[in-house]
Amino acid sequence: MDLLVDVLLLLAAVMLFDRSNTDRDEVWQLCLRILAVMSVLSVITSDRGLPLAVLLLGFALWLPGAARVERALDAALHNLPERREPPA
């Protein structure tokens, strides 16, 4: 029974996060994302949440650092061709 609740909470988190990506209201997006994070945290803090916590920690360590992403964005923006105004 506990496994079913954990699966339902994870499914709800995925659905809430997906819904937050399609919504235009920033406040509602934030609210949906907070609810999604809370449902994942409730699964992680349960007795059987250790494997999921280890997977999420590995994923977080795999993500690129913010400085590296910022440098890549700066490099990509500097390599864009200049926009020229059409002659009037």
PDB file of N, CA and C in Angstrom:
ATOM      1  N   MET A   1       0.819  -1.197   0.000  1.00  0.00           N
ATOM      2  CA  MET A   1       0.000   0.000   0.000  1.00  0.00           C
ATOM      3  C   MET A   1       0.859   1.256   0.000  1.00  0.00           C
ATOM      4  N   ASP A   2       1.947   1.236   0.802  1.00  0.00           N
ATOM      5  CA  ASP A   2       2.825   2.398   0.836  1.00  0.00           C
ATOM      6  C   ASP A   2       3.503   2.636  -0.508  1.00  0.00           C
ATOM      7  N   LEU A   3       3.834   1.562  -1.200  1.00  0.00           N
ATOM      8  CA  LEU A   3       4.445   1.699  -2.516  1.00  0.00           C
ATOM      9  C   LEU A   3       3.484   2.353  -3.497  1.00  0.00           C
ATOM     10  N   LEU A   4       2.214   2.021  -3.417  1.00  0.00           N
ATOM     11  CA  LEU A   4       1.208   2.626  -4.276  1.00  0.00           C
ATOM     12  C   LEU A   4       1.089   4.122  -4.009  1.00  0.00           C
ATOM     13  N   VAL A   5       1.131   4.509  -2.758  1.00  0.00           N
ATOM     14  CA  VAL A   5       1.071   5.936  -2.407  1.00  0.00           C
ATOM     15  C   VAL A   5       2.300   6.660  -2.936  1.00  0.00           C
ATOM     16  N   ASP A   6       3.474   6.033  -2.812  1.00  0.00           N
ATOM     17  CA  ASP A   6       4.694   6.648  -3.331  1.00  0.00           C
ATOM     18  C   ASP A   6       4.621   6.836  -4.841  1.00  0.00           C
ATOM     19  N   VAL A   7       4.124   5.825  -5.536  1.00  0.00           N
ATOM     20  CA  VAL A   7       4.000   5.923  -6.995  1.00  0.00           C
ATOM     21  C   VAL A   7       2.995   7.007  -7.377  1.00  0.00           C
ATOM     22  N   LEU A   8       1.896   7.085  -6.666  1.00  0.00           N
ATOM     23  CA  LEU A   8       0.899   8.118  -6.963  1.00  0.00           C
ATOM     24  C   LEU A   8       1.444   9.520  -6.698  1.00  0.00           C
ATOM     25  N   LEU A   9       2.218   9.687  -5.639  1.00  0.00           N
ATOM     26  CA  LEU A   9       2.815  10.987  -5.362  1.00  0.00           C
ATOM     27  C   LEU A   9       3.839  11.376  -6.429  1.00  0.00           C
ATOM     28  N   LEU A  10       4.630  10.412  -6.894  1.00  0.00           N
ATOM     29  CA  LEU A  10       5.586  10.709  -7.960  1.00  0.00           C
ATOM     30  C   LEU A  10       4.871  11.036  -9.265  1.00  0.00           C
ATOM     31  N   LEU A  11       3.797  10.326  -9.560  1.00  0.00           N
ATOM     32  CA  LEU A  11       3.011  10.624 -10.755  1.00  0.00           C
ATOM     33  C   LEU A  11       2.383  12.003 -10.663  1.00  0.00           C
ATOM     34  N   ALA A  12       1.897  12.350  -9.485  1.00  0.00           N
ATOM     35  CA  ALA A  12       1.328  13.687  -9.285  1.00  0.00           C
ATOM     36  C   ALA A  12       2.397  14.755  -9.458  1.00  0.00           C
ATOM     37  N   ALA A  13       3.608  14.494  -8.981  1.00  0.00           N
ATOM     38  CA  ALA A  13       4.694  15.459  -9.135  1.00  0.00           C
ATOM     39  C   ALA A  13       5.033  15.679 -10.604  1.00  0.00           C
ATOM     40  N   VAL A  14       5.078  14.607 -11.370  1.00  0.00           N
ATOM     41  CA  VAL A  14       5.369  14.738 -12.801  1.00  0.00           C
ATOM     42  C   VAL A  14       4.257  15.512 -13.498  1.00  0.00           C
ATOM     43  N   MET A  15       3.032  15.209 -13.175  1.00  0.00           N
ATOM     44  CA  MET A  15       1.909  15.906 -13.808  1.00  0.00           C
ATOM     45  C   MET A  15       1.882  17.386 -13.417  1.00  0.00           C
ATOM     46  N   LEU A  16       2.156  17.690 -12.150  1.00  0.00           N
ATOM     47  CA  LEU A  16       2.180  19.086 -11.714  1.00  0.00           C
ATOM     48  C   LEU A  16       3.305  19.866 -12.377  1.00  0.00           C
ATOM     49  N   PHE A  17       4.472  19.249 -12.483  1.00  0.00           N
ATOM     50  CA  PHE A  17       5.590  19.943 -13.113  1.00  0.00           C
ATOM     51  C   PHE A  17       5.332  20.147 -14.603  1.00  0.00           C
ATOM     52  N   ASP A  18       4.739  19.153 -15.257  1.00  0.00           N
ATOM     53  CA  ASP A  18       4.399  19.300 -16.673  1.00  0.00           C
ATOM     54  C   ASP A  18       3.362  20.400 -16.863  1.00  0.00           C
ATOM     55  N   ARG A  19       2.395  20.454 -16.002  1.00  0.00           N
ATOM     56  CA  ARG A  19       1.369  21.500 -16.080  1.00  0.00           C
ATOM     57  C   ARG A  19       1.972  22.883 -15.838  1.00  0.00           C
ATOM     58  N   SER A  20       2.964  22.968 -14.958  1.00  0.00           N
ATOM     59  CA  SER A  20       3.579  24.269 -14.684  1.00  0.00           C
ATOM     60  C   SER A  20       4.365  24.784 -15.885  1.00  0.00           C
ATOM     61  N   ASN A  21       4.849  23.882 -16.725  1.00  0.00           N
ATOM     62  CA  ASN A  21       5.582  24.316 -17.916  1.00  0.00           C
ATOM     63  C   ASN A  21       4.656  24.869 -18.991  1.00  0.00           C
ATOM     64  N   THR A  22       3.387  24.505 -18.973  1.00  0.00           N
ATOM     65  CA  THR A  22       2.469  24.961 -20.011  1.00  0.00           C
ATOM     66  C   THR A  22       1.624  26.147 -19.579  1.00  0.00           C
ATOM     67  N   ASP A  23       1.683  26.509 -18.315  1.00  0.00           N
ATOM     68  CA  ASP A  23       0.877  27.614 -17.816  1.00  0.00           C
ATOM     69  C   ASP A  23       1.606  28.935 -18.019  1.00  0.00           C
ATOM     70  N   ARG A  24       0.859  30.014 -18.288  1.00  0.00           N
ATOM     71  CA  ARG A  24       1.482  31.309 -18.546  1.00  0.00           C
ATOM     72  C   ARG A  24       1.630  32.167 -17.294  1.00  0.00           C
ATOM     73  N   ASP A  25       0.855  31.908 -16.283  1.00  0.00           N
ATOM     74  CA  ASP A  25       0.893  32.713 -15.062  1.00  0.00           C
ATOM     75  C   ASP A  25       2.078  32.272 -14.204  1.00  0.00           C
ATOM     76  N   GLU A  26       2.998  33.201 -13.941  1.00  0.00           N
ATOM     77  CA  GLU A  26       4.219  32.855 -13.210  1.00  0.00           C
ATOM     78  C   GLU A  26       3.934  32.447 -11.770  1.00  0.00           C
ATOM     79  N   VAL A  27       2.961  33.075 -11.149  1.00  0.00           N
ATOM     80  CA  VAL A  27       2.643  32.734  -9.756  1.00  0.00           C
ATOM     81  C   VAL A  27       2.086  31.319  -9.678  1.00  0.00           C
ATOM     82  N   TRP A  28       1.219  30.979 -10.605  1.00  0.00           N
ATOM     83  CA  TRP A  28       0.645  29.634 -10.621  1.00  0.00           C
ATOM     84  C   TRP A  28       1.714  28.603 -10.976  1.00  0.00           C
ATOM     85  N   GLN A  29       2.645  28.954 -11.850  1.00  0.00           N
ATOM     86  CA  GLN A  29       3.755  28.056 -12.168  1.00  0.00           C
ATOM     87  C   GLN A  29       4.557  27.750 -10.909  1.00  0.00           C
ATOM     88  N   LEU A  30       4.871  28.787 -10.158  1.00  0.00           N
ATOM     89  CA  LEU A  30       5.640  28.605  -8.931  1.00  0.00           C
ATOM     90  C   LEU A  30       4.885  27.741  -7.929  1.00  0.00           C
ATOM     91  N   CYS A  31       3.598  27.980  -7.792  1.00  0.00           N
ATOM     92  CA  CYS A  31       2.780  27.185  -6.871  1.00  0.00           C
ATOM     93  C   CYS A  31       2.765  25.710  -7.275  1.00  0.00           C
ATOM     94  N   LEU A  32       2.592  25.438  -8.557  1.00  0.00           N
ATOM     95  CA  LEU A  32       2.577  24.054  -9.034  1.00  0.00           C
ATOM     96  C   LEU A  32       3.929  23.386  -8.834  1.00  0.00           C
ATOM     97  N   ARG A  33       5.002  24.120  -9.078  1.00  0.00           N
ATOM     98  CA  ARG A  33       6.333  23.544  -8.896  1.00  0.00           C
ATOM     99  C   ARG A  33       6.632  23.274  -7.427  1.00  0.00           C
ATOM    100  N   ILE A  34       6.172  24.154  -6.550  1.00  0.00           N
ATOM    101  CA  ILE A  34       6.359  23.914  -5.110  1.00  0.00           C
ATOM    102  C   ILE A  34       5.597  22.662  -4.685  1.00  0.00           C
ATOM    103  N   LEU A  35       4.380  22.496  -5.179  1.00  0.00           N
ATOM    104  CA  LEU A  35       3.617  21.285  -4.857  1.00  0.00           C
ATOM    105  C   LEU A  35       4.308  20.032  -5.395  1.00  0.00           C
ATOM    106  N   ALA A  36       4.875  20.126  -6.598  1.00  0.00           N
ATOM    107  CA  ALA A  36       5.586  18.982  -7.171  1.00  0.00           C
ATOM    108  C   ALA A  36       6.805  18.625  -6.328  1.00  0.00           C
ATOM    109  N   VAL A  37       7.562  19.628  -5.917  1.00  0.00           N
ATOM    110  CA  VAL A  37       8.745  19.377  -5.086  1.00  0.00           C
ATOM    111  C   VAL A  37       8.337  18.799  -3.739  1.00  0.00           C
ATOM    112  N   MET A  38       7.255  19.300  -3.175  1.00  0.00           N
ATOM    113  CA  MET A  38       6.794  18.774  -1.891  1.00  0.00           C
ATOM    114  C   MET A  38       6.383  17.311  -1.997  1.00  0.00           C
ATOM    115  N   SER A  39       5.750  16.932  -3.095  1.00  0.00           N
ATOM    116  CA  SER A  39       5.349  15.530  -3.231  1.00  0.00           C
ATOM    117  C   SER A  39       6.561  14.629  -3.426  1.00  0.00           C
ATOM    118  N   VAL A  40       7.574  15.093  -4.152  1.00  0.00           N
ATOM    119  CA  VAL A  40       8.791  14.291  -4.304  1.00  0.00           C
ATOM    120  C   VAL A  40       9.528  14.196  -2.968  1.00  0.00           C
ATOM    121  N   LEU A  41       9.577  15.292  -2.233  1.00  0.00           N
ATOM    122  CA  LEU A  41      10.242  15.257  -0.929  1.00  0.00           C
ATOM    123  C   LEU A  41       9.522  14.338   0.056  1.00  0.00           C
ATOM    124  N   SER A  42       8.213  14.254  -0.041  1.00  0.00           N
ATOM    125  CA  SER A  42       7.498  13.347   0.851  1.00  0.00           C
ATOM    126  C   SER A  42       7.813  11.892   0.525  1.00  0.00           C
ATOM    127  N   VAL A  43       8.062  11.595  -0.748  1.00  0.00           N
ATOM    128  CA  VAL A  43       8.453  10.228  -1.112  1.00  0.00           C
ATOM    129  C   VAL A  43       9.881   9.951  -0.663  1.00  0.00           C
ATOM    130  N   ILE A  44      10.759  10.937  -0.837  1.00  0.00           N
ATOM    131  CA  ILE A  44      12.160  10.745  -0.460  1.00  0.00           C
ATOM    132  C   ILE A  44      12.300  10.527   1.042  1.00  0.00           C
ATOM    133  N   THR A  45      11.527  11.254   1.824  1.00  0.00           N
ATOM    134  CA  THR A  45      11.662  11.142   3.272  1.00  0.00           C
ATOM    135  C   THR A  45      10.944   9.926   3.855  1.00  0.00           C
ATOM    136  N   SER A  46      10.231   9.185   3.019  1.00  0.00           N
ATOM    137  CA  SER A  46       9.600   7.964   3.532  1.00  0.00           C
ATOM    138  C   SER A  46      10.670   6.882   3.698  1.00  0.00           C
ATOM    139  N   ASP A  47      10.287   5.742   4.222  1.00  0.00           N
ATOM    140  CA  ASP A  47      11.243   4.674   4.510  1.00  0.00           C
ATOM    141  C   ASP A  47      11.880   4.100   3.247  1.00  0.00           C
ATOM    142  N   ARG A  48      11.114   4.002   2.162  1.00  0.00           N
ATOM    143  CA  ARG A  48      11.642   3.403   0.943  1.00  0.00           C
ATOM    144  C   ARG A  48      12.157   4.444  -0.050  1.00  0.00           C
ATOM    145  N   GLY A  49      12.358   5.669   0.373  1.00  0.00           N
ATOM    146  CA  GLY A  49      12.764   6.720  -0.536  1.00  0.00           C
ATOM    147  C   GLY A  49      14.255   6.835  -0.767  1.00  0.00           C
ATOM    148  N   LEU A  50      15.059   6.005  -0.132  1.00  0.00           N
ATOM    149  CA  LEU A  50      16.506   6.122  -0.263  1.00  0.00           C
ATOM    150  C   LEU A  50      16.999   5.907  -1.699  1.00  0.00           C
ATOM    151  N   PRO A  51      16.536   4.893  -2.436  1.00  0.00           N
ATOM    152  CA  PRO A  51      17.014   4.760  -3.825  1.00  0.00           C
ATOM    153  C   PRO A  51      16.682   5.975  -4.686  1.00  0.00           C
ATOM    154  N   LEU A  52      15.502   6.537  -4.497  1.00  0.00           N
ATOM    155  CA  LEU A  52      15.138   7.724  -5.252  1.00  0.00           C
ATOM    156  C   LEU A  52      16.008   8.906  -4.857  1.00  0.00           C
ATOM    157  N   ALA A  53      16.305   9.032  -3.575  1.00  0.00           N
ATOM    158  CA  ALA A  53      17.163  10.121  -3.123  1.00  0.00           C
ATOM    159  C   ALA A  53      18.565   9.997  -3.701  1.00  0.00           C
ATOM    160  N   VAL A  54      19.083   8.789  -3.790  1.00  0.00           N
ATOM    161  CA  VAL A  54      20.405   8.574  -4.372  1.00  0.00           C
ATOM    162  C   VAL A  54      20.387   8.913  -5.865  1.00  0.00           C
ATOM    163  N   LEU A  55      19.337   8.526  -6.567  1.00  0.00           N
ATOM    164  CA  LEU A  55      19.222   8.858  -7.988  1.00  0.00           C
ATOM    165  C   LEU A  55      19.131  10.364  -8.211  1.00  0.00           C
ATOM    166  N   LEU A  56      18.344  11.050  -7.394  1.00  0.00           N
ATOM    167  CA  LEU A  56      18.227  12.495  -7.533  1.00  0.00           C
ATOM    168  C   LEU A  56      19.535  13.200  -7.193  1.00  0.00           C
ATOM    169  N   LEU A  57      20.258  12.708  -6.208  1.00  0.00           N
ATOM    170  CA  LEU A  57      21.545  13.288  -5.879  1.00  0.00           C
ATOM    171  C   LEU A  57      22.531  13.097  -7.034  1.00  0.00           C
ATOM    172  N   GLY A  58      22.549  11.924  -7.615  1.00  0.00           N
ATOM    173  CA  GLY A  58      23.404  11.687  -8.784  1.00  0.00           C
ATOM    174  C   GLY A  58      23.040  12.588  -9.947  1.00  0.00           C
ATOM    175  N   PHE A  59      21.748  12.785 -10.175  1.00  0.00           N
ATOM    176  CA  PHE A  59      21.295  13.679 -11.247  1.00  0.00           C
ATOM    177  C   PHE A  59      21.717  15.118 -10.964  1.00  0.00           C
ATOM    178  N   ALA A  60      21.597  15.553  -9.715  1.00  0.00           N
ATOM    179  CA  ALA A  60      21.985  16.919  -9.358  1.00  0.00           C
ATOM    180  C   ALA A  60      23.489  17.121  -9.529  1.00  0.00           C
ATOM    181  N   LEU A  61      24.279  16.127  -9.206  1.00  0.00           N
ATOM    182  CA  LEU A  61      25.720  16.239  -9.399  1.00  0.00           C
ATOM    183  C   LEU A  61      26.099  16.191 -10.873  1.00  0.00           C
ATOM    184  N   TRP A  62      25.296  15.541 -11.698  1.00  0.00           N
ATOM    185  CA  TRP A  62      25.557  15.445 -13.134  1.00  0.00           C
ATOM    186  C   TRP A  62      25.243  16.753 -13.850  1.00  0.00           C
ATOM    187  N   LEU A  63      24.326  17.556 -13.310  1.00  0.00           N
ATOM    188  CA  LEU A  63      23.934  18.809 -13.955  1.00  0.00           C
ATOM    189  C   LEU A  63      25.125  19.747 -14.056  1.00  0.00           C
ATOM    190  N   PRO A  64      25.167  20.533 -15.129  1.00  0.00           N
ATOM    191  CA  PRO A  64      26.297  21.466 -15.266  1.00  0.00           C
ATOM    192  C   PRO A  64      26.183  22.604 -14.256  1.00  0.00           C
ATOM    193  N   GLY A  65      27.309  23.166 -13.913  1.00  0.00           N
ATOM    194  CA  GLY A  65      27.324  24.290 -12.976  1.00  0.00           C
ATOM    195  C   GLY A  65      26.769  25.546 -13.626  1.00  0.00           C
ATOM    196  N   ALA A  66      26.307  26.463 -12.815  1.00  0.00           N
ATOM    197  CA  ALA A  66      25.702  27.694 -13.333  1.00  0.00           C
ATOM    198  C   ALA A  66      26.719  28.539 -14.084  1.00  0.00           C
ATOM    199  N   ALA A  67      27.958  28.585 -13.627  1.00  0.00           N
ATOM    200  CA  ALA A  67      28.971  29.383 -14.309  1.00  0.00           C
ATOM    201  C   ALA A  67      29.263  28.825 -15.697  1.00  0.00           C
ATOM    202  N   ARG A  68      29.287  27.504 -15.815  1.00  0.00           N
ATOM    203  CA  ARG A  68      29.547  26.890 -17.114  1.00  0.00           C
ATOM    204  C   ARG A  68      28.412  27.160 -18.090  1.00  0.00           C
ATOM    205  N   VAL A  69      27.179  27.100 -17.595  1.00  0.00           N
ATOM    206  CA  VAL A  69      26.026  27.382 -18.455  1.00  0.00           C
ATOM    207  C   VAL A  69      26.044  28.843 -18.890  1.00  0.00           C
ATOM    208  N   GLU A  70      26.384  29.732 -17.970  1.00  0.00           N
ATOM    209  CA  GLU A  70      26.434  31.156 -18.308  1.00  0.00           C
ATOM    210  C   GLU A  70      27.520  31.437 -19.351  1.00  0.00           C
ATOM    211  N   ARG A  71      28.675  30.813 -19.219  1.00  0.00           N
ATOM    212  CA  ARG A  71      29.732  30.997 -20.226  1.00  0.00           C
ATOM    213  C   ARG A  71      29.307  30.469 -21.577  1.00  0.00           C
ATOM    214  N   ALA A  72      28.610  29.332 -21.592  1.00  0.00           N
ATOM    215  CA  ALA A  72      28.154  28.769 -22.863  1.00  0.00           C
ATOM    216  C   ALA A  72      27.113  29.671 -23.514  1.00  0.00           C
ATOM    217  N   LEU A  73      26.220  30.251 -22.718  1.00  0.00           N
ATOM    218  CA  LEU A  73      25.230  31.175 -23.271  1.00  0.00           C
ATOM    219  C   LEU A  73      25.886  32.437 -23.808  1.00  0.00           C
ATOM    220  N   ASP A  74      26.866  32.969 -23.083  1.00  0.00           N
ATOM    221  CA  ASP A  74      27.580  34.152 -23.559  1.00  0.00           C
ATOM    222  C   ASP A  74      28.296  33.869 -24.874  1.00  0.00           C
ATOM    223  N   ALA A  75      28.932  32.717 -24.965  1.00  0.00           N
ATOM    224  CA  ALA A  75      29.626  32.355 -26.194  1.00  0.00           C
ATOM    225  C   ALA A  75      28.646  32.197 -27.344  1.00  0.00           C
ATOM    226  N   ALA A  76      27.503  31.602 -27.067  1.00  0.00           N
ATOM    227  CA  ALA A  76      26.507  31.419 -28.123  1.00  0.00           C
ATOM    228  C   ALA A  76      25.935  32.756 -28.577  1.00  0.00           C
ATOM    229  N   LEU A  77      25.735  33.686 -27.646  1.00  0.00           N
ATOM    230  CA  LEU A  77      25.194  34.993 -28.018  1.00  0.00           C
ATOM    231  C   LEU A  77      26.204  35.819 -28.801  1.00  0.00           C
ATOM    232  N   HIS A  78      27.483  35.672 -28.512  1.00  0.00           N
ATOM    233  CA  HIS A  78      28.498  36.429 -29.243  1.00  0.00           C
ATOM    234  C   HIS A  78      28.725  35.869 -30.635  1.00  0.00           C
ATOM    235  N   ASN A  79      28.354  34.632 -30.877  1.00  0.00           N
ATOM    236  CA  ASN A  79      28.548  34.026 -32.191  1.00  0.00           C
ATOM    237  C   ASN A  79      27.349  34.216 -33.114  1.00  0.00           C
ATOM    238  N   LEU A  80      26.312  34.898 -32.636  1.00  0.00           N
ATOM    239  CA  LEU A  80      25.141  35.151 -33.487  1.00  0.00           C
ATOM    240  C   LEU A  80      25.489  36.161 -34.562  1.00  0.00           C
ATOM    241  N   PRO A  81      24.966  35.966 -35.779  1.00  0.00           N
ATOM    242  CA  PRO A  81      25.219  36.959 -36.814  1.00  0.00           C
ATOM    243  C   PRO A  81      24.487  38.262 -36.486  1.00  0.00           C
ATOM    244  N   GLU A  82      25.070  39.359 -36.899  1.00  0.00           N
ATOM    245  CA  GLU A  82      24.467  40.654 -36.622  1.00  0.00           C
ATOM    246  C   GLU A  82      23.210  40.825 -37.461  1.00  0.00           C
ATOM    247  N   ARG A  83      22.215  41.424 -36.836  1.00  0.00           N
ATOM    248  CA  ARG A  83      20.978  41.707 -37.558  1.00  0.00           C
ATOM    249  C   ARG A  83      21.136  43.041 -38.273  1.00  0.00           C
ATOM    250  N   ARG A  84      20.793  43.041 -39.514  1.00  0.00           N
ATOM    251  CA  ARG A  84      20.887  44.278 -40.283  1.00  0.00           C
ATOM    252  C   ARG A  84      19.479  44.724 -40.627  1.00  0.00           C
ATOM    253  N   GLU A  85      19.285  45.997 -40.485  1.00  0.00           N
ATOM    254  CA  GLU A  85      17.986  46.600 -40.815  1.00  0.00           C
ATOM    255  C   GLU A  85      17.837  46.656 -42.336  1.00  0.00           C
ATOM    256  N   PRO A  86      16.655  46.336 -42.833  1.00  0.00           N
ATOM    257  CA  PRO A  86      16.452  46.450 -44.289  1.00  0.00           C
ATOM    258  C   PRO A  86      16.493  47.923 -44.689  1.00  0.00           C
ATOM    259  N   PRO A  87      16.980  48.181 -45.911  1.00  0.00           N
ATOM    260  CA  PRO A  87      17.036  49.581 -46.364  1.00  0.00           C
ATOM    261  C   PRO A  87      15.637  50.173 -46.461  1.00  0.00           C
ATOM    262  N   ALA A  88      15.520  51.438 -46.079  1.00  0.00           N
ATOM    263  CA  ALA A  88      14.220  52.110 -46.103  1.00  0.00           C
ATOM    264  C   ALA A  88      13.945  52.768 -47.418  1.00  0.00           C
TER     265      ALA A  88
END
